[in-house]
Structure formats: C-alpha cells, structure tokens
Protein backbone atom coordinates (compact mmCIF):
# COMPACT_ATOMS: atom_id res chain seq x y z
CA MET A 1 209.01 -50.79 8.95
CA ALA A 2 209.81 -47.52 7.24
CA GLN A 3 207.80 -46.73 4.15
CA GLN A 4 210.01 -46.65 1.08
CA THR A 5 209.47 -43.84 -1.38
CA ILE A 6 209.38 -44.88 -5.00
CA PRO A 7 210.95 -42.24 -7.22
CA ALA A 8 208.99 -41.04 -10.22
CA ALA A 9 209.95 -42.64 -13.48
CA ILE A 10 212.03 -40.54 -15.75
CA GLY A 11 210.18 -39.46 -18.84
CA THR A 12 206.68 -39.95 -17.39
CA PRO A 13 204.28 -37.77 -19.43
CA ARG A 14 202.74 -34.93 -17.55
CA SER A 15 198.99 -34.50 -17.47
CA ALA A 16 197.68 -32.16 -20.12
CA PRO A 17 196.33 -28.80 -18.93
CA ALA A 18 192.58 -28.66 -18.52
CA ASP A 19 189.98 -25.93 -18.47
CA ARG A 20 187.46 -25.25 -15.71
CA SER A 21 185.19 -28.06 -16.87
CA GLY A 22 188.02 -30.59 -16.77
CA ARG A 23 188.37 -31.02 -20.51
CA PRO A 24 191.94 -31.09 -21.83
CA VAL A 25 193.11 -27.96 -23.59
CA ARG A 26 195.09 -28.50 -26.75
CA PRO A 27 198.12 -26.27 -27.11
CA ARG A 28 197.91 -23.78 -29.93
CA ARG A 29 200.21 -24.35 -32.82
CA ALA A 30 202.33 -21.49 -34.02
CA LEU A 31 201.24 -20.11 -37.37
CA ARG A 32 203.87 -20.93 -39.96
CA PRO A 33 204.92 -18.18 -42.37
CA ARG A 34 204.09 -20.37 -45.36
CA THR A 35 200.58 -21.03 -44.05
CA ALA A 36 200.04 -17.32 -43.41
CA VAL A 37 201.15 -16.44 -46.95
CA VAL A 38 198.88 -19.09 -48.51
CA ALA A 39 195.92 -17.88 -46.42
CA ALA A 40 196.56 -14.25 -47.37
CA VAL A 41 196.77 -15.13 -51.07
CA ALA A 42 193.56 -17.18 -50.80
CA TRP A 43 191.69 -14.28 -49.20
CA LEU A 44 193.06 -11.91 -51.86
CA VAL A 45 191.90 -14.17 -54.69
CA ALA A 46 188.47 -14.53 -53.05
CA ALA A 47 188.18 -10.75 -52.75
CA VAL A 48 189.09 -10.28 -56.42
CA PHE A 49 186.34 -12.70 -57.47
CA LEU A 50 183.75 -11.29 -55.05
CA LEU A 51 184.26 -7.58 -55.78
CA PRO A 52 182.38 -7.64 -59.12
CA TYR A 53 179.39 -9.24 -57.42
CA LEU A 54 179.53 -6.61 -54.68
CA GLN A 55 179.61 -3.90 -57.32
CA MET A 56 176.61 -5.53 -59.02
CA VAL A 57 174.60 -5.45 -55.79
CA ILE A 58 175.55 -1.81 -55.11
CA THR A 59 174.57 -0.75 -58.63
CA ALA A 60 171.28 -2.63 -58.30
CA LEU A 61 170.49 -0.46 -55.27
CA ARG A 62 171.36 2.87 -56.91
CA PRO A 63 168.57 5.30 -57.82
CA ALA A 64 168.41 6.27 -61.48
CA SER A 65 169.56 9.79 -60.63
CA GLU A 66 172.84 8.52 -59.11
CA LEU A 67 173.92 6.06 -61.81
CA ARG A 68 176.52 8.49 -63.21
CA ASP A 69 177.94 9.51 -59.82
CA ALA A 70 181.60 8.74 -59.21
CA THR A 71 181.02 7.67 -55.59
CA TYR A 72 181.30 3.98 -54.79
CA LEU A 73 178.26 3.92 -52.50
CA PRO A 74 175.02 5.73 -53.35
CA ASP A 75 173.62 8.42 -51.10
CA HIS A 76 170.29 6.62 -50.94
CA PHE A 77 169.64 2.90 -51.44
CA ALA A 78 166.71 2.30 -53.80
CA TRP A 79 165.34 -1.04 -52.60
CA SER A 80 162.34 -0.40 -54.82
CA ASN A 81 164.44 -1.33 -57.87
CA PHE A 82 163.85 -5.00 -57.16
CA VAL A 83 160.09 -4.44 -56.91
CA ASP A 84 159.98 -2.31 -60.04
CA VAL A 85 162.00 -4.72 -62.16
CA TRP A 86 159.68 -7.54 -61.13
CA ARG A 87 156.50 -5.54 -61.74
CA GLU A 88 157.36 -3.69 -64.95
CA SER A 89 158.89 -6.57 -66.92
CA ASN A 90 158.32 -10.23 -67.75
CA LEU A 91 160.92 -11.30 -65.21
CA GLY A 92 158.45 -13.53 -63.36
CA SER A 93 157.49 -15.52 -66.45
CA ASN A 94 161.13 -15.62 -67.56
CA LEU A 95 162.14 -17.06 -64.20
CA ARG A 96 159.40 -19.69 -64.45
CA VAL A 97 160.58 -20.70 -67.93
CA THR A 98 164.19 -20.95 -66.74
CA LEU A 99 163.20 -23.12 -63.78
CA LEU A 100 161.24 -25.45 -66.07
CA VAL A 101 164.03 -25.62 -68.64
CA ALA A 102 166.83 -26.18 -66.11
CA GLY A 103 164.85 -28.68 -64.04
CA GLY A 104 163.40 -30.54 -67.02
CA SER A 105 166.69 -30.84 -68.89
CA THR A 106 168.50 -32.00 -65.74
CA LEU A 107 165.89 -34.69 -65.12
CA LEU A 108 166.00 -35.83 -68.75
CA VAL A 109 169.81 -36.00 -68.67
CA LEU A 110 169.74 -38.18 -65.55
CA LEU A 111 167.14 -40.55 -67.00
CA VAL A 112 169.32 -41.14 -70.06
CA ALA A 113 172.84 -40.78 -68.66
CA ILE A 114 172.56 -43.13 -65.66
CA PRO A 115 171.61 -46.28 -67.67
CA ALA A 116 174.03 -45.41 -70.47
CA ALA A 117 176.94 -44.77 -68.11
CA TYR A 118 176.19 -47.86 -66.02
CA TYR A 119 176.06 -50.13 -69.07
CA THR A 120 179.25 -48.61 -70.45
CA ALA A 121 181.07 -49.08 -67.14
CA ARG A 122 179.94 -52.66 -66.51
CA VAL A 123 179.72 -54.27 -69.96
CA LYS A 124 182.87 -54.57 -72.08
CA TYR A 125 181.06 -54.54 -75.42
CA ARG A 126 182.64 -54.07 -78.82
CA GLY A 127 183.02 -50.43 -79.74
CA ARG A 128 183.02 -49.22 -76.13
CA LYS A 129 186.11 -47.04 -76.57
CA VAL A 130 184.72 -45.63 -79.80
CA PHE A 131 181.48 -44.74 -78.04
CA LEU A 132 183.35 -42.94 -75.24
CA LEU A 133 185.45 -41.11 -77.83
CA LEU A 134 182.33 -39.98 -79.67
CA VAL A 135 180.84 -38.79 -76.38
CA LEU A 136 183.96 -36.74 -75.79
CA VAL A 137 183.98 -35.38 -79.34
CA THR A 138 180.42 -34.07 -79.01
CA GLN A 139 181.66 -31.73 -76.28
CA MET A 140 183.66 -29.87 -78.94
CA PHE A 141 180.54 -28.72 -80.81
CA GLN A 142 179.18 -25.37 -79.75
CA PRO A 143 175.41 -24.80 -79.80
CA THR A 144 175.91 -21.73 -82.00
CA SER A 145 177.28 -23.89 -84.83
CA LEU A 146 174.05 -25.91 -84.91
CA LEU A 147 171.54 -23.11 -84.43
CA VAL A 148 170.52 -22.83 -88.09
CA GLY A 149 169.80 -26.55 -88.36
CA LEU A 150 168.00 -26.62 -85.01
CA TYR A 151 165.86 -23.63 -85.96
CA ARG A 152 164.80 -25.18 -89.27
CA GLU A 153 164.05 -28.52 -87.63
CA PHE A 154 161.91 -27.13 -84.83
CA TYR A 155 160.22 -24.70 -87.25
CA GLN A 156 159.09 -27.60 -89.45
CA LEU A 157 157.90 -29.47 -86.36
CA GLY A 158 155.98 -26.41 -85.11
CA MET A 159 157.89 -26.41 -81.80
CA LEU A 160 159.25 -22.86 -81.72
CA ASN A 161 158.47 -20.73 -78.64
CA SER A 162 158.04 -23.88 -76.56
CA VAL A 163 159.60 -24.67 -73.21
CA TRP A 164 160.02 -28.32 -74.20
CA THR A 165 162.14 -27.31 -77.19
CA LEU A 166 164.62 -25.64 -74.87
CA VAL A 167 164.48 -28.66 -72.55
CA LEU A 168 165.40 -31.04 -75.39
CA CYS A 169 168.22 -28.81 -76.67
CA ASN A 170 169.80 -28.22 -73.27
CA ALA A 171 169.53 -31.90 -72.38
CA ALA A 172 171.18 -32.91 -75.67
CA PHE A 173 174.14 -30.57 -75.22
CA ASN A 174 174.75 -31.59 -71.58
CA LEU A 175 174.19 -35.33 -71.95
CA ALA A 176 177.75 -36.12 -73.05
CA PHE A 177 179.34 -34.60 -69.94
CA ALA A 178 176.97 -36.48 -67.65
CA ILE A 179 177.66 -39.82 -69.35
CA TRP A 180 181.41 -39.24 -69.20
CA ILE A 181 181.60 -38.39 -65.49
CA LEU A 182 179.10 -41.07 -64.43
CA THR A 183 180.96 -43.74 -66.41
CA ALA A 184 184.14 -42.90 -64.51
CA TYR A 185 182.32 -43.03 -61.19
CA PHE A 186 180.52 -46.32 -61.87
CA SER A 187 183.83 -47.85 -62.96
CA ALA A 188 185.38 -46.94 -59.61
CA ILE A 189 182.72 -48.86 -57.63
CA PRO A 190 183.65 -52.56 -57.10
CA VAL A 191 181.47 -54.92 -59.08
CA GLN A 192 181.64 -57.42 -56.19
CA LEU A 193 179.12 -55.30 -54.27
CA GLU A 194 176.53 -55.82 -57.00
CA GLU A 195 177.33 -59.53 -57.25
CA ALA A 196 176.77 -59.92 -53.51
CA ALA A 197 173.45 -58.08 -53.79
CA MET A 198 172.34 -60.30 -56.69
CA ILE A 199 173.25 -63.40 -54.68
CA ASP A 200 170.91 -62.12 -51.98
CA GLY A 201 168.06 -62.03 -54.52
CA LEU A 202 168.28 -58.64 -56.22
CA GLY A 203 168.28 -58.34 -59.97
CA ARG A 204 170.52 -56.13 -62.06
CA GLY A 205 168.14 -53.18 -61.78
CA GLY A 206 167.67 -53.65 -58.04
CA ALA A 207 171.43 -53.79 -57.49
CA LEU A 208 171.81 -50.58 -59.45
CA LEU A 209 169.09 -48.72 -57.56
CA ARG A 210 169.79 -50.01 -54.06
CA VAL A 211 173.56 -50.55 -54.03
CA THR A 212 175.45 -48.84 -56.83
CA LEU A 213 173.45 -45.66 -57.25
CA PRO A 214 173.67 -44.59 -53.57
CA LEU A 215 177.45 -45.08 -53.71
CA ALA A 216 177.60 -43.08 -56.94
CA MET A 217 175.52 -40.22 -55.52
CA PRO A 218 178.43 -37.71 -55.46
CA GLY A 219 178.91 -38.27 -59.19
CA VAL A 220 175.18 -37.94 -59.80
CA VAL A 221 175.10 -34.68 -57.84
CA THR A 222 178.03 -33.39 -59.87
CA ALA A 223 176.20 -34.14 -63.11
CA VAL A 224 173.07 -32.48 -61.72
CA ILE A 225 174.74 -29.24 -60.69
CA PHE A 226 176.73 -28.83 -63.91
CA THR A 227 173.72 -29.60 -66.09
CA PHE A 228 171.47 -27.31 -64.08
CA ILE A 229 173.91 -24.40 -64.17
CA ALA A 230 174.59 -24.84 -67.89
CA ALA A 231 170.85 -24.83 -68.65
CA TRP A 232 170.27 -21.92 -66.28
CA ASN A 233 172.92 -19.74 -67.96
CA GLU A 234 172.11 -20.69 -71.57
CA PHE A 235 171.42 -17.66 -73.75
CA VAL A 236 171.90 -18.25 -77.49
CA MET A 237 169.39 -21.06 -77.96
CA GLY A 238 166.81 -19.25 -75.84
CA LEU A 239 167.23 -16.10 -77.92
CA THR A 240 166.96 -17.97 -81.24
CA LEU A 241 164.28 -20.57 -80.55
CA SER A 242 162.00 -18.34 -78.43
CA THR A 243 160.82 -15.05 -79.89
CA VAL A 244 157.83 -14.44 -77.61
CA PRO A 245 158.87 -12.56 -74.42
CA GLU A 246 156.70 -14.77 -72.18
CA SER A 247 158.42 -17.95 -73.41
CA GLN A 248 161.98 -16.69 -73.19
CA PRO A 249 164.37 -17.76 -70.41
CA LEU A 250 165.73 -15.46 -67.75
CA THR A 251 169.01 -14.72 -69.53
CA VAL A 252 167.15 -13.39 -72.58
CA GLY A 253 164.76 -11.42 -70.39
CA ILE A 254 167.66 -9.69 -68.62
CA ASN A 255 169.13 -8.76 -71.99
CA GLY A 256 165.96 -6.78 -72.67
CA PHE A 257 167.14 -4.03 -70.30
CA ILE A 258 169.91 -3.20 -72.78
CA GLY A 259 168.39 -0.86 -75.36
CA ASN A 260 169.75 0.57 -78.59
CA TYR A 261 170.69 3.91 -77.03
CA THR A 262 170.36 3.50 -73.27
CA VAL A 263 171.00 0.84 -70.67
CA GLN A 264 168.93 0.62 -67.49
CA TRP A 265 171.86 -0.33 -65.30
CA ASN A 266 169.98 -0.38 -62.01
CA TYR A 267 167.27 -2.68 -63.38
CA LEU A 268 169.82 -4.76 -65.29
CA PHE A 269 171.84 -5.50 -62.17
CA ALA A 270 168.76 -5.96 -60.00
CA ALA A 271 167.52 -8.65 -62.39
CA SER A 272 171.01 -10.19 -62.42
CA VAL A 273 171.01 -10.44 -58.62
CA ILE A 274 167.63 -12.18 -58.73
CA ALA A 275 168.96 -14.57 -61.39
CA ILE A 276 172.05 -15.72 -59.48
CA VAL A 277 170.44 -16.20 -56.06
CA PRO A 278 168.80 -19.62 -56.80
CA VAL A 279 172.01 -21.05 -58.27
CA VAL A 280 174.15 -19.79 -55.38
CA VAL A 281 171.76 -21.31 -52.85
CA LEU A 282 171.68 -24.64 -54.71
CA PHE A 283 175.46 -24.74 -55.02
CA ALA A 284 175.95 -23.91 -51.33
CA PHE A 285 173.85 -26.91 -50.29
CA ILE A 286 175.58 -29.50 -52.48
CA GLU A 287 179.10 -28.03 -52.79
CA ARG A 288 180.73 -30.83 -50.81
CA HIS A 289 179.19 -33.43 -53.14
CA VAL A 290 180.51 -31.55 -56.17
CA VAL A 291 184.08 -31.51 -54.81
CA SER A 292 184.03 -35.25 -54.12
CA GLY A 293 182.36 -35.96 -57.44
CA LEU A 294 185.04 -34.11 -59.41
CA THR A 295 187.57 -36.73 -58.26
CA ALA A 296 185.38 -39.56 -59.56
CA GLY A 297 187.42 -42.42 -60.90
CA SER A 298 190.77 -40.77 -60.11
CA VAL A 299 191.68 -43.31 -57.41
CA LYS A 300 190.76 -46.98 -57.39
C-alpha cells in the first residue's frame, strides 16, 4: 500500500528563528519617526537640565588662578578643593545639622501625618471637608511671612540656635502636604481588606500596621522624599533662627562663601556638590516609589 503524502496546511505558522542556544530571536521593530523625535527631544531636555550641574562640578575643580579663564575646562583639576572646603570651614558640622534636621522633621511628620490621614480617610466625621480645606490652605503660607512671629516665640522660649527648633519648624511646614497625599492614598485602599484582617483577630491598629500601611508604602515614601528634600534645602528659617555657625544648616553654611566683595566660586561649588550628593543618592534608590506615589488616589 503506497504511503499517502499529506500536504501541509495552508497558513501554518513557521517556526521562529532561533540563536545558537536555541532560544527564539524576536524580530526588531522598525523605529518610528515619531518615537525618534520624542526620544531626541527627551535627551535634549535632559541635557539642558544636566548642563548646569556639569558646569558646577567643573567649576568646583578649577584652581583659584583659573576662575576667570574663558576656557570651559581647566588646565589642571584641583581635587584638593573638596578637601580644603571641608577642612577650612564648618561644612562638617553644617552637614551634621542638616542631616539631623531633615531626618528628625521627616520622622516627626510621619508620626503625625499617618494617624491623621488614616483617620480622615476612614472616618466620615463632621467637618472633614473643612479640615482638608484648612490643610490645603496652610500650603499657601510661606515661612518668610511667619519668621518674625517664630523668632519672637522661640526667643522667649530660649530655643534659638537649636537643632530641635529647626526640626519643629520644618515638620510644621511640611505636615500639610504629607497629610493630603496620605489621605488620598489611604482612601484608595479598599476598607474590606481591613475588615477581613479584623475578623481574623487584628484590631484597628494592627490592621493599619500589618495590612494598610504596607499597601500605602508608595505614598509614605513620597511623603518622606518630599519632606526630606524640603527640609534639606530650607534656607530662610535656618538663617534666621540659627546665628551660631556650628548650629546652622548646610544651606546657610554654603552661603558663607559669598562675601561682601568677593565670591570663592571654587569652594562655593565644591560645597554645593557635597550638598546635593546625599539627596541624589536617596532619590535614585526610591524614585520608582515616588512615581507611583504621585498617582495616589487618581484611580480607584
């Protein structure tokens, strides 16, 4: 009996090409003109924002004798500028004060904002909308408009030139933003998850700590990074409430390199590079949490 040949079915998909290891190779997609234009514009915008920082680093490495040269790059890189600015100024103590102020105010904001935002999101009490409106209104007040009253108050309390004074002030001015964003994030988490946890034996506090708070971690991280950066970059309150160089934050210490008649540009930019490195490193580690936290409460 002759063997009958079965013709191949029309439209049968061909096997995908594979590399030497046998793994399928995906065909490359052609780059669309619109995608290329968007990518080019994105790189151009990134370069525009990064060029000032590059210029800051280059100026920080210039010797004092080449500060007035028209060349973009110095003939000799003075790496000793970073050592000199650390040794000949109070930059070390200023950095310690800034770390204490930024870390302490961020911790204080979280301790107050998390319970307040959780209660506001879960309990429909009378005056809730008014409270949220007042929280939003407090963001309109600038610290400079309250400096005279703050100075008189802390002077009468004997709390000038204190790190804890700056912690309290920075926490007070950043508390409203933290409450606002955490309220939106807690509202987006289904309350049924907490009810199921309380049926299993957890109380209200246990449900918050073990169920709701881990789900709200992107919002918490967003509040942390914005509070930390705001406290890190604060200048006016540190200049007014701290008059002793050893108790001043880093922003005020950097301003000391600007004199009445001369400016030590190499030391000024060297100190600025030292000041931005911790924030850049912190932001690089938690950037993805910040992006997700900014959309808190936008979609239910």
